[in-house]
Protein backbone atom coordinates (compact mmCIF):
# COMPACT_ATOMS: atom_id res chain seq x y z
CA UNK A 1 75.56 82.02 14.32
CA UNK A 2 77.72 84.45 16.22
CA UNK A 3 77.71 83.59 19.84
CA UNK A 4 78.60 85.57 22.97
CA UNK A 5 81.51 83.17 23.52
CA UNK A 6 82.91 83.97 20.06
CA UNK A 7 82.52 87.68 20.64
CA UNK A 8 84.24 87.44 23.98
CA UNK A 9 87.15 85.30 22.56
CA UNK A 10 87.65 88.00 19.80
CA UNK A 11 87.54 90.75 22.40
CA UNK A 12 90.23 89.00 24.41
CA UNK A 13 92.31 88.52 21.34
CA UNK A 14 92.24 92.14 20.45
CA UNK A 15 92.88 93.22 24.01
CA UNK A 16 96.03 90.95 24.20
CA UNK A 17 97.19 92.39 20.86
CA UNK A 18 96.71 95.94 22.15
CA UNK A 19 98.60 95.27 25.34
CA UNK A 20 101.46 93.77 23.41
CA UNK A 21 101.53 96.73 21.05
CA UNK A 22 101.53 99.22 24.02
CA UNK A 23 104.37 97.33 25.80
CA UNK A 24 106.41 97.48 22.62
CA UNK A 25 105.78 101.20 22.08
CA UNK A 26 106.75 102.07 25.70
CA UNK A 27 110.01 100.07 25.35
CA UNK A 28 110.76 101.99 22.11
CA UNK A 29 110.02 105.25 23.85
CA UNK A 30 112.33 104.30 26.70
CA UNK A 31 115.12 103.54 24.28
CA UNK A 32 114.64 106.85 22.50
CA UNK A 33 114.85 108.73 25.82
CA UNK A 34 118.29 107.25 26.46
CA UNK A 35 119.76 108.65 23.18
CA UNK A 36 121.54 112.04 23.45
CA UNK A 37 119.07 114.85 23.38
CA UNK A 38 120.91 117.04 20.84
CA UNK A 39 120.15 114.43 18.11
CA UNK A 40 116.38 115.30 18.31
CA UNK A 41 116.09 118.41 16.07
CA UNK A 42 112.84 120.51 16.34
CA UNK A 43 110.55 120.42 13.46
CA UNK A 44 109.74 123.92 12.20
C-alpha cells in the first residue's frame, strides 16, 4: 500500500534533488559569466 508518508518522503527527495541541481547550474552560469565575452560566438 502506498501511504501519504511514502508519497511525502518521495516528494521531499525530488525537491532536494531539484534544489541541488539548481544550485549546481547557477554556479556553472556564474563561472561562465567570468570568462571573457569574446569567446562566446553567436550562433547563426
